[in-house]
């Protein structure tokens, strides 16, 4: 049986930390779907279609990785695509507390779904999408924190929801 994992997130933007988790996950899974979801408690900074295109470009040469937007519960999306694993990265204990609660809820909704946590590589642990957005919002250089050229994203398009 093919080991399919989804790596869900808002990826607003996709960071070097996210990239590292996916690359390491490729050693454990046959296929990883980077699942761009809509977090109802967040408003987007970068538009979903733009980020989808960017992430697809980042993994263009990797046949183990695909990128897809989804709506609804992550556990339901996993059923739809035949994934039995959720891949998540942990930077610190605060991430663990948050992710552990979500993992338990996902397991309740989809008992066949197992969450796999990878500890973030130490050199990338300080990177977060929210910090990158804040630096970018005020004109700072974020290029060292993302695996793509920022010029690939429109800077005057803060936010669109999955349509």
C-alpha atoms as a PDB file:
ATOM      1  CA  UNK A   1       0.000   0.000   0.000  1.00  0.00           C
ATOM      2  CA  UNK A   2       1.280   3.415  -0.969  1.00  0.00           C
ATOM      3  CA  UNK A   3       2.181   5.630   2.017  1.00  0.00           C
ATOM      4  CA  UNK A   4       0.489   8.978   1.266  1.00  0.00           C
ATOM      5  CA  UNK A   5       0.862  11.923   3.635  1.00  0.00           C
ATOM      6  CA  UNK A   6      -0.643  15.358   3.520  1.00  0.00           C
ATOM      7  CA  UNK A   7       1.268  18.337   4.816  1.00  0.00           C
ATOM      8  CA  UNK A   8      -1.547  20.768   5.607  1.00  0.00           C
ATOM      9  CA  UNK A   9      -1.181  24.452   6.329  1.00  0.00           C
ATOM     10  CA  UNK A  10      -1.999  27.960   5.256  1.00  0.00           C
ATOM     11  CA  UNK A  11       1.588  28.437   3.984  1.00  0.00           C
ATOM     12  CA  UNK A  12       1.236  32.200   3.969  1.00  0.00           C
ATOM     13  CA  UNK A  13       4.038  32.164   2.823  1.00  0.00           C
ATOM     14  CA  UNK A  14       5.727  28.792   2.384  1.00  0.00           C
ATOM     15  CA  UNK A  15       9.016  28.967   4.315  1.00  0.00           C
ATOM     16  CA  UNK A  16      12.380  27.232   4.316  1.00  0.00           C
ATOM     17  CA  UNK A  17      11.146  25.428   7.436  1.00  0.00           C
ATOM     18  CA  UNK A  18       8.167  24.049   5.489  1.00  0.00           C
ATOM     19  CA  UNK A  19      10.500  23.068   2.652  1.00  0.00           C
ATOM     20  CA  UNK A  20      12.769  21.207   5.078  1.00  0.00           C
ATOM     21  CA  UNK A  21       9.856  19.225   6.550  1.00  0.00           C
ATOM     22  CA  UNK A  22       8.652  18.182   3.091  1.00  0.00           C
ATOM     23  CA  UNK A  23      12.142  17.173   1.946  1.00  0.00           C
ATOM     24  CA  UNK A  24      12.658  15.046   5.057  1.00  0.00           C
ATOM     25  CA  UNK A  25       9.134  13.642   4.746  1.00  0.00           C
ATOM     26  CA  UNK A  26       9.947  12.432   1.244  1.00  0.00           C
ATOM     27  CA  UNK A  27      12.331   9.941   2.869  1.00  0.00           C
ATOM     28  CA  UNK A  28       9.420   8.419   4.828  1.00  0.00           C
ATOM     29  CA  UNK A  29       6.475   8.591   2.439  1.00  0.00           C
ATOM     30  CA  UNK A  30       5.796   7.535  -1.140  1.00  0.00           C
ATOM     31  CA  UNK A  31       3.839  10.696  -1.847  1.00  0.00           C
ATOM     32  CA  UNK A  32       3.273  14.001  -0.044  1.00  0.00           C
ATOM     33  CA  UNK A  33       0.402  16.335  -0.856  1.00  0.00           C
ATOM     34  CA  UNK A  34       1.116  19.866   0.300  1.00  0.00           C
ATOM     35  CA  UNK A  35      -2.436  20.820   1.220  1.00  0.00           C
ATOM     36  CA  UNK A  36      -3.089  24.546   1.220  1.00  0.00           C
ATOM     37  CA  UNK A  37      -6.052  25.055   3.506  1.00  0.00           C
ATOM     38  CA  UNK A  38      -8.134  27.973   4.587  1.00  0.00           C
ATOM     39  CA  UNK A  39      -7.786  28.739   8.285  1.00  0.00           C
ATOM     40  CA  UNK A  40     -11.050  30.494   9.154  1.00  0.00           C
ATOM     41  CA  UNK A  41      -9.355  32.351  12.023  1.00  0.00           C
ATOM     42  CA  UNK A  42      -6.744  33.951   9.747  1.00  0.00           C
ATOM     43  CA  UNK A  43      -6.933  36.379   6.857  1.00  0.00           C
ATOM     44  CA  UNK A  44      -4.428  35.741   4.074  1.00  0.00           C
ATOM     45  CA  UNK A  45      -1.512  37.987   3.195  1.00  0.00           C
ATOM     46  CA  UNK A  46      -0.543  36.241  -0.054  1.00  0.00           C
ATOM     47  CA  UNK A  47      -3.269  34.937  -2.377  1.00  0.00           C
ATOM     48  CA  UNK A  48      -3.886  31.163  -2.448  1.00  0.00           C
ATOM     49  CA  UNK A  49      -3.574  30.796  -6.256  1.00  0.00           C
ATOM     50  CA  UNK A  50      -0.239  32.629  -6.186  1.00  0.00           C
ATOM     51  CA  UNK A  51       1.111  30.509  -3.332  1.00  0.00           C
ATOM     52  CA  UNK A  52      -0.087  27.293  -5.023  1.00  0.00           C
ATOM     53  CA  UNK A  53       1.825  28.203  -8.169  1.00  0.00           C
ATOM     54  CA  UNK A  54       4.937  29.138  -6.193  1.00  0.00           C
ATOM     55  CA  UNK A  55       4.980  25.905  -4.157  1.00  0.00           C
ATOM     56  CA  UNK A  56       4.415  23.834  -7.309  1.00  0.00           C
ATOM     57  CA  UNK A  57       7.455  25.554  -8.810  1.00  0.00           C
ATOM     58  CA  UNK A  58       9.573  24.848  -5.736  1.00  0.00           C
ATOM     59  CA  UNK A  59       8.874  21.101  -6.058  1.00  0.00           C
ATOM     60  CA  UNK A  60       8.704  20.954  -9.867  1.00  0.00           C
ATOM     61  CA  UNK A  61      11.450  18.319 -10.117  1.00  0.00           C
ATOM     62  CA  UNK A  62      10.163  16.124  -7.289  1.00  0.00           C
ATOM     63  CA  UNK A  63       7.604  13.524  -8.460  1.00  0.00           C
ATOM     64  CA  UNK A  64       6.819  12.588  -4.836  1.00  0.00           C
ATOM     65  CA  UNK A  65       5.245  16.003  -4.121  1.00  0.00           C
ATOM     66  CA  UNK A  66       2.020  17.572  -5.356  1.00  0.00           C
ATOM     67  CA  UNK A  67       0.247  20.709  -4.211  1.00  0.00           C
ATOM     68  CA  UNK A  68      -3.483  21.144  -3.770  1.00  0.00           C
ATOM     69  CA  UNK A  69      -5.877  23.652  -2.186  1.00  0.00           C
ATOM     70  CA  UNK A  70      -8.741  22.356  -0.093  1.00  0.00           C
ATOM     71  CA  UNK A  71     -11.690  23.541   1.959  1.00  0.00           C
ATOM     72  CA  UNK A  72     -13.165  21.975   5.046  1.00  0.00           C
ATOM     73  CA  UNK A  73     -11.685  19.673   7.630  1.00  0.00           C
ATOM     74  CA  UNK A  74      -8.179  18.353   7.096  1.00  0.00           C
ATOM     75  CA  UNK A  75      -9.227  14.888   8.302  1.00  0.00           C
ATOM     76  CA  UNK A  76     -11.967  14.765   5.665  1.00  0.00           C
ATOM     77  CA  UNK A  77      -9.579  15.944   2.951  1.00  0.00           C
ATOM     78  CA  UNK A  78      -7.187  13.141   3.944  1.00  0.00           C
ATOM     79  CA  UNK A  79      -9.998  10.610   3.351  1.00  0.00           C
ATOM     80  CA  UNK A  80     -10.769  12.176  -0.049  1.00  0.00           C
ATOM     81  CA  UNK A  81      -7.188  11.816  -1.279  1.00  0.00           C
ATOM     82  CA  UNK A  82      -6.465   8.460   0.368  1.00  0.00           C
ATOM     83  CA  UNK A  83      -3.864   9.796   2.805  1.00  0.00           C
ATOM     84  CA  UNK A  84      -3.359   7.897   6.042  1.00  0.00           C
ATOM     85  CA  UNK A  85      -0.761  10.286   7.448  1.00  0.00           C
ATOM     86  CA  UNK A  86      -0.552  13.956   8.353  1.00  0.00           C
ATOM     87  CA  UNK A  87       2.933  15.424   8.328  1.00  0.00           C
ATOM     88  CA  UNK A  88       3.581  18.288  10.732  1.00  0.00           C
ATOM     89  CA  UNK A  89       6.673  20.227  11.775  1.00  0.00           C
ATOM     90  CA  UNK A  90       7.351  21.275  15.361  1.00  0.00           C
ATOM     91  CA  UNK A  91       9.588  24.233  16.193  1.00  0.00           C
ATOM     92  CA  UNK A  92       9.080  24.257  19.943  1.00  0.00           C
ATOM     93  CA  UNK A  93       6.915  23.058  22.837  1.00  0.00           C
ATOM     94  CA  UNK A  94       4.255  25.663  22.069  1.00  0.00           C
ATOM     95  CA  UNK A  95       3.873  24.136  18.600  1.00  0.00           C
ATOM     96  CA  UNK A  96       3.599  20.692  20.195  1.00  0.00           C
ATOM     97  CA  UNK A  97       0.754  21.740  22.506  1.00  0.00           C
ATOM     98  CA  UNK A  98      -1.171  23.271  19.601  1.00  0.00           C
ATOM     99  CA  UNK A  99      -0.463  20.436  17.139  1.00  0.00           C
ATOM    100  CA  UNK A 100      -1.196  17.697  19.683  1.00  0.00           C
ATOM    101  CA  UNK A 101      -4.713  19.044  20.215  1.00  0.00           C
ATOM    102  CA  UNK A 102      -5.316  19.218  16.469  1.00  0.00           C
ATOM    103  CA  UNK A 103      -3.905  15.697  15.957  1.00  0.00           C
ATOM    104  CA  UNK A 104      -6.321  14.305  18.535  1.00  0.00           C
ATOM    105  CA  UNK A 105      -9.293  16.054  16.924  1.00  0.00           C
ATOM    106  CA  UNK A 106      -8.257  14.818  13.477  1.00  0.00           C
ATOM    107  CA  UNK A 107      -7.973  11.268  14.806  1.00  0.00           C
ATOM    108  CA  UNK A 108     -11.474  11.561  16.257  1.00  0.00           C
ATOM    109  CA  UNK A 109     -12.890  12.658  12.884  1.00  0.00           C
ATOM    110  CA  UNK A 110     -10.798  10.136  10.920  1.00  0.00           C
ATOM    111  CA  UNK A 111      -9.651   7.193  13.107  1.00  0.00           C
ATOM    112  CA  UNK A 112      -7.401   5.882  10.311  1.00  0.00           C
ATOM    113  CA  UNK A 113      -5.347   9.085  10.230  1.00  0.00           C
ATOM    114  CA  UNK A 114      -1.978   9.132  11.976  1.00  0.00           C
ATOM    115  CA  UNK A 115      -0.092  12.379  12.602  1.00  0.00           C
ATOM    116  CA  UNK A 116       3.682  12.268  12.206  1.00  0.00           C
ATOM    117  CA  UNK A 117       5.677  15.073  13.827  1.00  0.00           C
ATOM    118  CA  UNK A 118       9.119  16.119  12.618  1.00  0.00           C
ATOM    119  CA  UNK A 119      11.230  18.382  14.791  1.00  0.00           C
ATOM    120  CA  UNK A 120      12.333  21.425  12.815  1.00  0.00           C
ATOM    121  CA  UNK A 121      16.005  21.598  11.930  1.00  0.00           C
ATOM    122  CA  UNK A 122      17.652  23.880  14.542  1.00  0.00           C
ATOM    123  CA  UNK A 123      18.838  26.436  11.975  1.00  0.00           C
ATOM    124  CA  UNK A 124      15.221  26.933  10.818  1.00  0.00           C
ATOM    125  CA  UNK A 125      13.385  26.861  14.153  1.00  0.00           C
ATOM    126  CA  UNK A 126      13.073  30.647  14.447  1.00  0.00           C
ATOM    127  CA  UNK A 127      11.337  30.999  11.072  1.00  0.00           C
ATOM    128  CA  UNK A 128       7.571  31.454  11.014  1.00  0.00           C
ATOM    129  CA  UNK A 129       5.214  32.662   8.336  1.00  0.00           C
ATOM    130  CA  UNK A 130       3.839  35.365  10.638  1.00  0.00           C
ATOM    131  CA  UNK A 131       7.308  36.819  11.258  1.00  0.00           C
ATOM    132  CA  UNK A 132       8.068  36.720   7.533  1.00  0.00           C
ATOM    133  CA  UNK A 133       4.793  38.512   6.749  1.00  0.00           C
ATOM    134  CA  UNK A 134       5.553  41.203   9.314  1.00  0.00           C
ATOM    135  CA  UNK A 135       9.066  41.795   7.984  1.00  0.00           C
ATOM    136  CA  UNK A 136       7.735  41.889   4.405  1.00  0.00           C
ATOM    137  CA  UNK A 137       4.833  44.191   5.319  1.00  0.00           C
ATOM    138  CA  UNK A 138       7.324  46.788   6.527  1.00  0.00           C
ATOM    139  CA  UNK A 139       9.638  46.478   3.549  1.00  0.00           C
ATOM    140  CA  UNK A 140      12.270  44.176   5.038  1.00  0.00           C
ATOM    141  CA  UNK A 141      14.199  41.546   3.110  1.00  0.00           C
ATOM    142  CA  UNK A 142      12.734  38.062   3.672  1.00  0.00           C
ATOM    143  CA  UNK A 143      14.564  36.263   0.868  1.00  0.00           C
ATOM    144  CA  UNK A 144      16.727  34.208   3.265  1.00  0.00           C
ATOM    145  CA  UNK A 145      13.614  32.668   4.841  1.00  0.00           C
ATOM    146  CA  UNK A 146      11.761  31.396   1.758  1.00  0.00           C
ATOM    147  CA  UNK A 147      12.689  28.831  -0.945  1.00  0.00           C
ATOM    148  CA  UNK A 148      11.593  30.982  -3.897  1.00  0.00           C
ATOM    149  CA  UNK A 149      12.180  34.433  -5.308  1.00  0.00           C
ATOM    150  CA  UNK A 150       9.847  36.910  -3.655  1.00  0.00           C
ATOM    151  CA  UNK A 151       9.475  38.696  -6.967  1.00  0.00           C
ATOM    152  CA  UNK A 152       7.361  35.662  -7.936  1.00  0.00           C
ATOM    153  CA  UNK A 153       4.599  36.961  -5.660  1.00  0.00           C
ATOM    154  CA  UNK A 154       2.613  40.128  -6.156  1.00  0.00           C
ATOM    155  CA  UNK A 155       3.255  42.460  -3.249  1.00  0.00           C
ATOM    156  CA  UNK A 156       0.051  44.427  -3.681  1.00  0.00           C
ATOM    157  CA  UNK A 157      -2.245  41.395  -3.384  1.00  0.00           C
ATOM    158  CA  UNK A 158      -2.642  40.768   0.328  1.00  0.00           C
ATOM    159  CA  UNK A 159      -5.175  38.040   0.653  1.00  0.00           C
ATOM    160  CA  UNK A 160      -7.736  36.041  -1.121  1.00  0.00           C
ATOM    161  CA  UNK A 161      -9.632  33.103   0.188  1.00  0.00           C
ATOM    162  CA  UNK A 162      -9.850  29.749  -1.533  1.00  0.00           C
ATOM    163  CA  UNK A 163     -12.592  30.278  -4.025  1.00  0.00           C
END
